[in-house]
Amino acid sequence: MVTSSYCVNEVKSDGNGKGLPGHKEAIIEESAAVPTHQDVECRVYGRRWLMLGLFVFYSMSNAMQWIQYAIIANIIMKYYDVESTLVDWTSIIYMVSYIPLIFPGSWMLDKWGMRTAVIIGATGTCLGAWIKVFSTSPDRFAVAFAGQSVVAVSQVFILSVPARLAAVWFGPDQVSSACSIGVFGNQLGVAIGFVFPPMLVANHDDKSLIGADLKVMYYIVAGITSTLLVLVLLLFQGSPPLPPSPAQAVQRNSEETSNFGDSIKRLILNPGYILLLTSYGINVGVFYAISTLLNQVVLKHFPGQELDAGRIGLFIVIAGMMGSVISGMVLDKTHKFKEVTLCVYAFSLVGMVIYTFTLGCGHIVVVYITAGILGFFMTGYLPVGFEFAAELTYPEPEGTSAGLLNAAAQVFGIIFTMFYGWVFKLAGDIWANVTLSVTLLIGTMLTAAIHSDLRRQAAHAKSSQPKSSPLKI
């Protein structure tokens, strides 16, 4: 069906959230991309950066609570008088809760819209943080765990959003970079979760002093999440009035008529996506396992260095932020989705091997460096996986494809974290890390087997091919 589309390449903001035409270039073109008889107007709004910025900080506020307890596991064990396994579960609960909730969460994101999903997530993150304020007593670990569980449940309205937000608000030349910045928020939160708890909560002999430190940490987090909830309620918008590209216009039309169950079925029957689902789950699952037990592994080689354990975690995530942004920029410039994905995955394996055999070198500076190398590629892989999935599954909603990727990551994360902890206690960290390295090798081979079927890029190319010379106005 042949139609024409009218696209405005840039729109400035008037400061009140309204799009005003800036430098405009109207192109009349014939295209089979948009299944409607009416002209399709496409605009990229200046306020897209505000939406992305709000999401980054909202995601940060949730992610910084994930490792909040595990990174000071020895202190939490002393204060609440609990076993290390229970402290590990404050991290694992993030993974366990996500798995059964991914389908209703993806359905709500798809049917209720991004604004509603983000508001629900921000509310839950804030509520959980305030519940933990009331857990500052040695006999209230159950209260702390309840608050952590509420925050964990809320992440179902976060992890699937970056790819969706990028596609809905950003044009084809910025979508991968925007997705990487969206993932950046989660990584920033993890970084804060690694570094600040060891700084705020000291390993006092007196439990009352530990409790006072914990209360300060809890109030800081509750204040941050409350502020962000207000900002989300006032400013966050789910989608712009007009799509940013003809391909997104097609997707809007498809989502209005699609059935969520049929979309899930098409994803499951997509062989390339299933391979990516498995390899993505392995990579991120390994990262979850390493992060959860980082405190215990570092303290084995460097006793009493809780602050260094947190800083090493910070190095991993900061390096991953750089990897995410650079990978997103490379994808936008080259559109070589499979090649970039395979390259980043292979270097994650190399980084894991180097990290494994330098932990026991006796020089903590070396561990900082090798952990940073590992983080650059392993956490830098996150937005690459999202974007490759969006390409393989277009025009299915990005939130659904990303949600299933995250569900796979949680499943592998639970398995790998529990197995990693078991092998670590039984045989030490070298054998534990070697087993994770083997799984990354398997993931690299699965990634290499994916057929590079870039459907979204094909839709962009098709919509940008005029039959006659473009008419500029």
Protein backbone atom coordinates (compact mmCIF):
# COMPACT_ATOMS: atom_id res chain seq x y z
CA MET A 1 0.00 0.00 0.00
CA VAL A 2 1.67 3.23 -1.12
CA THR A 3 1.42 6.37 0.99
CA SER A 4 3.40 9.52 1.55
CA SER A 5 5.05 10.68 4.75
CA TYR A 6 5.95 14.15 5.95
CA CYS A 7 8.90 14.29 8.37
CA VAL A 8 10.30 17.20 10.37
CA ASN A 9 13.88 16.47 11.29
CA GLU A 10 14.23 18.81 14.27
CA VAL A 11 11.87 20.56 16.64
CA LYS A 12 12.92 22.97 19.34
CA SER A 13 11.21 23.24 22.68
CA ASP A 14 9.41 26.42 23.69
CA GLY A 15 10.30 25.79 27.33
CA ASN A 16 6.76 24.67 28.24
CA GLY A 17 7.02 21.19 26.78
CA LYS A 18 5.51 22.24 23.45
CA GLY A 19 7.31 21.43 20.24
CA LEU A 20 8.08 24.41 18.02
CA PRO A 21 9.45 23.98 14.50
CA GLY A 22 13.13 24.81 14.31
CA HIS A 23 15.11 24.13 11.16
CA LYS A 24 12.55 22.16 9.14
CA GLU A 25 13.04 19.98 6.16
CA ALA A 26 9.90 18.50 4.69
CA ILE A 27 10.35 15.53 2.47
CA ILE A 28 7.54 14.17 0.35
CA GLU A 29 8.22 10.55 -0.36
CA GLU A 30 6.40 7.45 -1.48
CA SER A 31 6.76 4.55 0.90
CA ALA A 32 5.24 1.19 1.65
CA ALA A 33 6.28 1.44 5.28
CA VAL A 34 3.21 3.07 6.81
CA PRO A 35 -0.02 1.10 6.58
CA THR A 36 -2.40 4.05 6.31
CA HIS A 37 -3.86 6.21 3.58
CA GLN A 38 -3.12 9.41 5.51
CA ASP A 39 0.12 11.36 5.53
CA VAL A 40 2.33 10.63 8.54
CA GLU A 41 4.01 13.60 10.22
CA CYS A 42 7.16 12.72 12.17
CA ARG A 43 8.84 15.00 14.69
CA VAL A 44 11.76 14.70 17.06
CA TYR A 45 10.94 16.83 20.10
CA GLY A 46 13.50 18.72 22.18
CA ARG A 47 11.86 17.57 25.41
CA ARG A 48 12.93 13.99 24.66
CA TRP A 49 16.09 14.70 26.68
CA LEU A 50 14.03 15.69 29.73
CA MET A 51 12.12 12.39 29.55
CA LEU A 52 15.36 10.45 29.22
CA GLY A 53 16.97 12.37 32.09
CA LEU A 54 14.01 11.77 34.42
CA PHE A 55 14.08 8.07 33.62
CA VAL A 56 17.83 7.85 34.22
CA PHE A 57 17.50 9.21 37.77
CA TYR A 58 14.35 7.21 38.50
CA SER A 59 16.11 4.02 37.38
CA MET A 60 19.14 4.99 39.47
CA SER A 61 17.01 5.31 42.62
CA ASN A 62 15.83 1.72 42.27
CA ALA A 63 19.11 0.11 41.20
CA MET A 64 21.16 1.69 43.98
CA GLN A 65 19.16 -0.40 46.48
CA TRP A 66 19.87 -3.73 44.76
CA ILE A 67 23.34 -4.29 46.20
CA GLN A 68 22.80 -2.04 49.24
CA TYR A 69 23.04 -4.90 51.74
CA ALA A 70 25.24 -7.43 49.94
CA ILE A 71 28.17 -5.02 49.54
CA ILE A 72 28.36 -4.67 53.35
CA ALA A 73 27.34 -8.28 53.98
CA ASN A 74 29.67 -8.79 56.96
CA ILE A 75 28.24 -5.70 58.73
CA ILE A 76 24.62 -6.67 58.01
CA MET A 77 25.27 -10.19 59.28
CA LYS A 78 26.67 -8.76 62.52
CA TYR A 79 23.93 -6.17 63.07
CA TYR A 80 20.90 -8.31 62.27
CA ASP A 81 22.53 -11.60 63.41
CA VAL A 82 21.68 -13.43 60.17
CA GLU A 83 23.55 -15.86 57.92
CA SER A 84 25.28 -14.77 54.71
CA THR A 85 22.68 -16.65 52.68
CA LEU A 86 19.93 -14.32 53.91
CA VAL A 87 22.02 -11.28 53.02
CA ASP A 88 22.59 -12.76 49.55
CA TRP A 89 18.83 -13.02 49.20
CA THR A 90 18.45 -9.23 49.54
CA SER A 91 20.05 -9.18 46.10
CA ILE A 92 18.54 -12.39 44.75
CA ILE A 93 15.00 -11.14 45.55
CA TYR A 94 15.42 -8.62 42.70
CA MET A 95 15.84 -11.54 40.33
CA VAL A 96 13.23 -13.85 41.83
CA SER A 97 10.45 -11.24 41.90
CA TYR A 98 11.06 -10.16 38.31
CA ILE A 99 10.45 -13.57 36.74
CA PRO A 100 6.73 -14.08 37.56
CA LEU A 101 5.97 -10.37 37.11
CA ILE A 102 7.56 -9.81 33.71
CA PHE A 103 4.46 -10.83 31.75
CA PRO A 104 1.94 -8.67 33.65
CA GLY A 105 4.55 -5.89 33.78
CA SER A 106 5.14 -6.00 30.01
CA TRP A 107 1.41 -6.14 29.39
CA MET A 108 0.86 -3.02 31.52
CA LEU A 109 3.71 -1.20 29.75
CA ASP A 110 2.21 -2.17 26.40
CA LYS A 111 -1.44 -1.43 27.19
CA TRP A 112 -1.40 1.29 29.86
CA GLY A 113 1.52 3.22 28.45
CA MET A 114 4.97 4.20 29.64
CA ARG A 115 3.85 7.05 31.93
CA THR A 116 1.58 4.80 34.01
CA ALA A 117 4.25 2.11 34.26
CA VAL A 118 6.92 4.59 35.35
CA ILE A 119 4.63 6.16 37.97
CA ILE A 120 3.85 2.72 39.45
CA GLY A 121 7.56 1.88 39.56
CA ALA A 122 8.54 5.20 41.13
CA THR A 123 5.81 4.83 43.77
CA GLY A 124 6.92 1.31 44.70
CA THR A 125 10.57 2.31 44.85
CA CYS A 126 9.73 5.18 47.20
CA LEU A 127 7.43 3.06 49.38
CA GLY A 128 10.03 0.31 49.79
CA ALA A 129 12.69 2.86 50.76
CA TRP A 130 10.45 4.26 53.49
CA ILE A 131 9.63 0.79 54.84
CA LYS A 132 13.36 0.23 55.36
CA VAL A 133 13.53 3.39 57.48
CA PHE A 134 11.61 1.42 60.15
CA SER A 135 14.04 -1.53 60.10
CA THR A 136 16.82 0.04 62.18
CA SER A 137 16.73 -2.45 65.03
CA PRO A 138 18.73 -5.70 65.26
CA ASP A 139 15.50 -7.73 65.41
CA ARG A 140 13.91 -6.16 62.30
CA PHE A 141 15.69 -7.87 59.42
CA ALA A 142 12.27 -9.06 58.23
CA VAL A 143 11.16 -5.42 57.90
CA ALA A 144 14.29 -4.57 55.94
CA PHE A 145 13.70 -7.54 53.67
CA ALA A 146 10.06 -6.54 53.18
CA GLY A 147 11.12 -3.06 52.06
CA GLN A 148 13.75 -4.55 49.78
CA SER A 149 11.11 -6.82 48.26
CA VAL A 150 8.80 -3.88 47.46
CA VAL A 151 11.67 -2.09 45.72
CA ALA A 152 12.58 -5.29 43.87
CA VAL A 153 9.03 -5.74 42.58
CA SER A 154 9.08 -2.15 41.30
CA GLN A 155 12.00 -2.84 38.96
CA VAL A 156 9.63 -4.68 36.61
CA PHE A 157 8.51 -1.18 35.57
CA ILE A 158 12.09 -0.07 34.93
CA LEU A 159 14.25 -2.67 33.20
CA SER A 160 12.10 -2.90 30.07
CA VAL A 161 11.77 0.85 29.57
CA PRO A 162 15.12 2.06 28.05
CA ALA A 163 14.65 0.46 24.61
CA ARG A 164 11.00 1.50 24.59
CA LEU A 165 11.68 5.10 25.61
CA ALA A 166 14.48 5.42 23.04
CA ALA A 167 12.30 4.15 20.20
CA VAL A 168 9.26 6.25 21.14
CA TRP A 169 11.09 9.57 21.60
CA PHE A 170 14.29 9.43 19.48
CA GLY A 171 14.98 9.33 15.75
CA PRO A 172 16.80 6.48 14.00
CA ASP A 173 20.22 8.16 14.28
CA GLN A 174 19.97 8.55 18.07
CA VAL A 175 17.92 5.57 19.21
CA SER A 176 20.85 3.30 20.18
CA SER A 177 22.66 6.10 22.01
CA ALA A 178 19.44 7.00 23.86
CA CYS A 179 18.96 3.37 24.87
CA SER A 180 22.52 3.20 26.18
CA ILE A 181 21.94 6.37 28.23
CA GLY A 182 18.71 4.85 29.60
CA VAL A 183 20.65 1.77 30.72
CA PHE A 184 23.27 4.16 32.13
CA GLY A 185 20.75 5.11 34.85
CA ASN A 186 20.56 1.55 36.12
CA GLN A 187 24.34 1.26 36.09
CA LEU A 188 24.72 4.58 37.88
CA GLY A 189 22.41 3.29 40.61
CA VAL A 190 24.41 0.08 40.95
CA ALA A 191 27.60 2.15 41.19
CA ILE A 192 26.11 4.22 44.01
CA GLY A 193 24.95 1.01 45.69
CA PHE A 194 28.50 -0.31 45.60
CA VAL A 195 30.30 2.75 46.91
CA PHE A 196 28.07 4.59 49.38
CA PRO A 197 26.90 1.87 51.83
CA PRO A 198 30.52 1.05 52.83
CA MET A 199 31.14 4.80 53.25
CA LEU A 200 27.98 5.42 55.29
CA VAL A 201 27.89 2.26 57.40
CA ALA A 202 31.09 1.49 59.30
CA ASN A 203 31.97 -1.84 60.90
CA HIS A 204 31.57 -0.68 64.52
CA ASP A 205 31.88 -3.05 67.46
CA ASP A 206 28.84 -1.34 69.01
CA LYS A 207 25.62 -2.40 67.24
CA SER A 208 23.89 0.84 68.21
CA LEU A 209 26.43 2.78 66.14
CA ILE A 210 25.84 0.50 63.17
CA GLY A 211 22.11 1.11 63.59
CA ALA A 212 22.64 4.87 63.59
CA ASP A 213 24.66 4.60 60.36
CA LEU A 214 21.98 2.45 58.75
CA LYS A 215 19.29 4.98 59.69
CA VAL A 216 21.21 7.78 57.98
CA MET A 217 21.55 5.65 54.84
CA TYR A 218 17.86 4.74 54.87
CA TYR A 219 16.73 8.36 55.23
CA ILE A 220 18.99 9.54 52.42
CA VAL A 221 17.58 6.92 50.04
CA ALA A 222 13.98 7.63 51.10
CA GLY A 223 14.51 11.37 50.50
CA ILE A 224 15.97 10.80 47.03
CA THR A 225 13.18 8.46 45.95
CA SER A 226 10.49 10.81 47.28
CA THR A 227 11.91 13.76 45.31
CA LEU A 228 12.09 11.70 42.12
CA LEU A 229 8.53 10.45 42.56
CA VAL A 230 7.28 14.06 42.66
CA LEU A 231 9.30 14.97 39.55
CA VAL A 232 7.97 11.95 37.65
CA LEU A 233 4.38 12.80 38.56
CA LEU A 234 4.80 16.40 37.41
CA LEU A 235 6.98 16.08 34.33
CA PHE A 236 7.20 12.62 32.79
CA GLN A 237 5.29 11.98 29.54
CA GLY A 238 4.79 8.55 28.04
CA SER A 239 5.08 9.48 24.36
CA PRO A 240 5.24 12.53 22.10
CA PRO A 241 2.22 13.62 20.05
CA LEU A 242 3.93 12.57 16.81
CA PRO A 243 6.30 9.65 16.17
CA PRO A 244 10.00 10.39 15.61
CA SER A 245 10.28 8.27 12.45
CA PRO A 246 8.11 6.48 9.86
CA ALA A 247 9.22 3.12 11.30
CA GLN A 248 7.94 4.18 14.74
CA ALA A 249 4.68 5.28 13.09
CA VAL A 250 4.31 1.76 11.71
CA GLN A 251 4.96 0.35 15.16
CA ARG A 252 2.36 2.63 16.77
CA ASN A 253 -0.22 1.40 14.29
CA SER A 254 0.83 -2.21 14.87
CA GLU A 255 0.60 -1.89 18.67
CA GLU A 256 -2.91 -0.45 18.49
CA THR A 257 -4.14 -3.58 16.68
CA SER A 258 -1.82 -6.24 18.11
CA ASN A 259 -2.58 -8.80 20.79
CA PHE A 260 -0.08 -9.17 23.65
CA GLY A 261 -0.29 -12.96 23.59
CA ASP A 262 0.32 -13.08 19.85
CA SER A 263 3.33 -10.80 20.28
CA ILE A 264 4.82 -13.15 22.88
CA LYS A 265 4.21 -16.10 20.58
CA ARG A 266 5.98 -14.39 17.67
CA LEU A 267 8.96 -13.60 19.90
CA ILE A 268 9.23 -17.19 21.11
CA LEU A 269 9.10 -18.49 17.53
CA ASN A 270 11.86 -16.12 16.39
CA PRO A 271 15.03 -18.31 16.35
CA GLY A 272 17.48 -15.39 16.33
CA TYR A 273 15.75 -13.80 19.30
CA ILE A 274 15.77 -17.07 21.26
CA LEU A 275 19.54 -17.41 20.75
CA LEU A 276 19.98 -13.80 21.90
CA LEU A 277 17.65 -14.42 24.86
CA THR A 278 19.87 -17.25 26.06
CA SER A 279 23.21 -15.54 25.45
CA TYR A 280 21.99 -12.28 27.04
CA GLY A 281 20.76 -14.18 30.09
CA ILE A 282 24.15 -15.85 30.50
CA ASN A 283 26.11 -12.60 30.27
CA VAL A 284 23.97 -10.57 32.66
CA GLY A 285 23.50 -13.56 34.99
CA VAL A 286 27.28 -13.78 35.38
CA PHE A 287 27.39 -10.06 36.23
CA TYR A 288 24.69 -10.52 38.87
CA ALA A 289 26.60 -13.40 40.48
CA ILE A 290 29.90 -11.50 40.56
CA SER A 291 28.26 -8.38 42.01
CA THR A 292 26.31 -10.20 44.72
CA LEU A 293 29.34 -12.03 46.13
CA LEU A 294 31.93 -9.30 45.47
CA ASN A 295 32.20 -8.35 49.15
CA GLN A 296 32.87 -11.95 50.21
CA VAL A 297 35.37 -12.63 47.40
CA VAL A 298 37.38 -9.42 47.95
CA LEU A 299 37.47 -9.85 51.73
CA LYS A 300 38.87 -13.37 51.28
CA HIS A 301 41.96 -11.96 49.55
CA PHE A 302 42.07 -8.57 51.30
CA PRO A 303 40.62 -8.92 54.84
CA GLY A 304 39.10 -5.78 56.35
CA GLN A 305 38.91 -3.97 53.02
CA GLU A 306 35.14 -3.39 52.87
CA LEU A 307 35.65 0.04 51.31
CA ASP A 308 37.82 -1.44 48.58
CA ALA A 309 35.16 -4.06 47.83
CA GLY A 310 32.68 -1.25 47.25
CA ARG A 311 35.13 0.75 45.17
CA ILE A 312 35.97 -2.24 42.99
CA GLY A 313 32.25 -2.64 42.36
CA LEU A 314 32.17 1.06 41.52
CA PHE A 315 35.02 0.60 39.05
CA ILE A 316 33.14 -2.26 37.38
CA VAL A 317 30.00 -0.19 36.91
CA ILE A 318 31.68 3.12 35.98
CA ALA A 319 33.66 1.29 33.30
CA GLY A 320 30.40 -0.33 32.19
CA MET A 321 28.77 3.09 31.84
CA MET A 322 31.55 4.14 29.51
CA GLY A 323 31.19 0.88 27.61
CA SER A 324 27.42 1.38 27.29
CA VAL A 325 27.65 4.90 25.90
CA ILE A 326 30.50 4.06 23.52
CA SER A 327 28.70 0.93 22.29
CA GLY A 328 25.50 2.91 21.70
CA MET A 329 27.39 5.53 19.70
CA VAL A 330 29.10 2.84 17.63
CA LEU A 331 25.74 1.22 16.88
CA ASP A 332 24.24 4.55 15.76
CA LYS A 333 27.23 5.23 13.50
CA THR A 334 27.70 1.76 11.99
CA HIS A 335 24.39 -0.11 12.44
CA LYS A 336 26.53 -3.27 12.71
CA PHE A 337 24.39 -4.80 15.44
CA LYS A 338 25.54 -8.42 15.32
CA GLU A 339 29.20 -7.53 14.87
CA VAL A 340 29.22 -5.12 17.82
CA THR A 341 27.24 -7.56 19.99
CA LEU A 342 29.63 -10.43 19.24
CA CYS A 343 32.72 -8.26 19.80
CA VAL A 344 31.52 -6.97 23.18
CA TYR A 345 30.50 -10.47 24.27
CA ALA A 346 33.86 -12.00 23.32
CA PHE A 347 35.73 -9.30 25.22
CA SER A 348 33.49 -9.95 28.25
CA LEU A 349 34.82 -13.51 28.21
CA VAL A 350 38.42 -12.28 27.93
CA GLY A 351 37.84 -9.82 30.78
CA MET A 352 36.39 -12.58 32.96
CA VAL A 353 39.42 -14.81 32.42
CA ILE A 354 41.84 -11.98 33.26
CA TYR A 355 39.83 -11.04 36.38
CA THR A 356 39.78 -14.69 37.52
CA PHE A 357 43.54 -15.12 37.55
CA THR A 358 44.46 -11.74 39.02
CA LEU A 359 42.26 -11.82 42.13
CA GLY A 360 44.90 -13.71 44.10
CA CYS A 361 47.89 -11.69 42.92
CA GLY A 362 48.12 -9.83 46.24
CA HIS A 363 48.01 -6.37 44.67
CA ILE A 364 44.60 -4.76 45.02
CA VAL A 365 45.41 -2.11 42.40
CA VAL A 366 45.66 -4.88 39.80
CA VAL A 367 42.22 -6.13 40.84
CA TYR A 368 40.80 -2.64 40.36
CA ILE A 369 42.17 -2.52 36.81
CA THR A 370 41.08 -6.00 35.75
CA ALA A 371 37.64 -5.56 37.31
CA GLY A 372 37.28 -2.31 35.35
CA ILE A 373 38.16 -4.10 32.11
CA LEU A 374 35.56 -6.75 32.89
CA GLY A 375 32.92 -4.14 33.67
CA PHE A 376 33.59 -2.11 30.51
CA PHE A 377 32.50 -4.99 28.31
CA MET A 378 30.15 -6.98 30.55
CA THR A 379 27.87 -4.14 31.68
CA GLY A 380 28.54 -2.27 28.44
CA TYR A 381 26.79 -5.19 26.75
CA LEU A 382 23.38 -4.37 28.27
CA PRO A 383 22.13 -1.73 25.79
CA VAL A 384 23.74 -3.60 22.90
CA GLY A 385 21.59 -6.63 23.69
CA PHE A 386 18.44 -4.48 23.95
CA GLU A 387 19.07 -2.82 20.60
CA PHE A 388 19.95 -6.04 18.80
CA ALA A 389 16.72 -7.55 20.15
CA ALA A 390 14.72 -4.56 18.89
CA GLU A 391 16.22 -5.07 15.44
CA LEU A 392 15.53 -8.80 15.36
CA THR A 393 11.93 -8.49 16.55
CA TYR A 394 10.61 -5.28 14.91
CA PRO A 395 7.74 -4.29 14.88
CA GLU A 396 7.07 -6.01 18.22
CA PRO A 397 7.07 -3.58 21.20
CA GLU A 398 10.58 -2.96 22.52
CA GLY A 399 9.33 -3.18 26.08
CA THR A 400 8.18 -6.76 25.54
CA SER A 401 11.38 -7.97 23.87
CA ALA A 402 13.53 -6.21 26.48
CA GLY A 403 11.35 -7.56 29.28
CA LEU A 404 11.90 -11.15 28.20
CA LEU A 405 15.65 -10.51 27.93
CA ASN A 406 15.63 -9.26 31.51
CA ALA A 407 13.56 -12.24 32.64
CA ALA A 408 16.18 -14.57 31.17
CA ALA A 409 18.88 -12.55 32.95
CA GLN A 410 17.06 -12.97 36.29
CA VAL A 411 16.72 -16.74 35.81
CA PHE A 412 20.39 -17.14 34.99
CA GLY A 413 21.28 -14.65 37.72
CA ILE A 414 19.55 -16.74 40.39
CA ILE A 415 21.13 -19.97 39.16
CA PHE A 416 24.60 -18.50 38.75
CA THR A 417 24.54 -16.59 42.07
CA MET A 418 23.56 -19.66 44.08
CA PHE A 419 25.95 -21.93 42.16
CA TYR A 420 28.77 -19.37 42.36
CA GLY A 421 28.30 -19.06 46.12
CA TRP A 422 28.31 -22.85 46.52
CA VAL A 423 31.47 -23.39 44.45
CA PHE A 424 33.18 -20.42 46.15
CA LYS A 425 32.63 -21.89 49.61
CA LEU A 426 33.52 -25.41 48.45
CA ALA A 427 36.54 -24.86 46.18
CA GLY A 428 37.44 -21.15 46.23
CA ASP A 429 37.02 -18.20 43.90
CA ILE A 430 39.24 -19.44 41.05
CA TRP A 431 37.09 -22.49 40.34
CA ALA A 432 33.93 -20.44 40.86
CA ASN A 433 35.09 -17.89 38.28
CA VAL A 434 36.29 -20.57 35.86
CA THR A 435 32.79 -22.07 35.78
CA LEU A 436 31.34 -18.64 34.94
CA SER A 437 33.98 -18.19 32.23
CA VAL A 438 32.85 -21.44 30.61
CA THR A 439 29.26 -20.20 30.51
CA LEU A 440 30.43 -16.96 28.84
CA LEU A 441 32.24 -19.06 26.21
CA ILE A 442 28.95 -20.84 25.49
CA GLY A 443 27.18 -17.47 25.28
CA THR A 444 29.76 -16.18 22.80
CA MET A 445 29.17 -19.19 20.54
CA LEU A 446 25.40 -18.71 20.72
CA THR A 447 25.81 -15.04 19.76
CA ALA A 448 27.93 -16.01 16.75
CA ALA A 449 25.13 -18.30 15.58
CA ILE A 450 22.51 -15.50 15.41
CA HIS A 451 21.41 -14.55 11.90
CA SER A 452 21.70 -10.78 11.42
CA ASP A 453 18.09 -10.03 10.44
CA LEU A 454 17.93 -6.26 11.03
CA ARG A 455 14.21 -5.64 10.49
CA ARG A 456 14.03 -2.17 12.01
CA GLN A 457 16.94 -0.95 9.89
CA ALA A 458 15.21 -2.37 6.82
CA ALA A 459 12.06 -0.42 7.70
CA HIS A 460 14.06 2.81 8.13
CA ALA A 461 15.81 2.26 4.80
CA LYS A 462 12.55 1.51 3.02
CA SER A 463 10.82 4.61 4.38
CA SER A 464 13.73 6.86 3.37
CA GLN A 465 13.87 5.82 -0.30
CA PRO A 466 11.89 8.35 -2.37
CA LYS A 467 10.85 7.52 -5.90
CA SER A 468 11.70 11.06 -6.93
CA SER A 469 14.00 13.77 -5.63
CA PRO A 470 13.05 15.05 -2.16
CA LEU A 471 11.04 18.27 -2.10
CA LYS A 472 12.50 20.65 0.49
CA ILE A 473 10.36 23.39 1.94
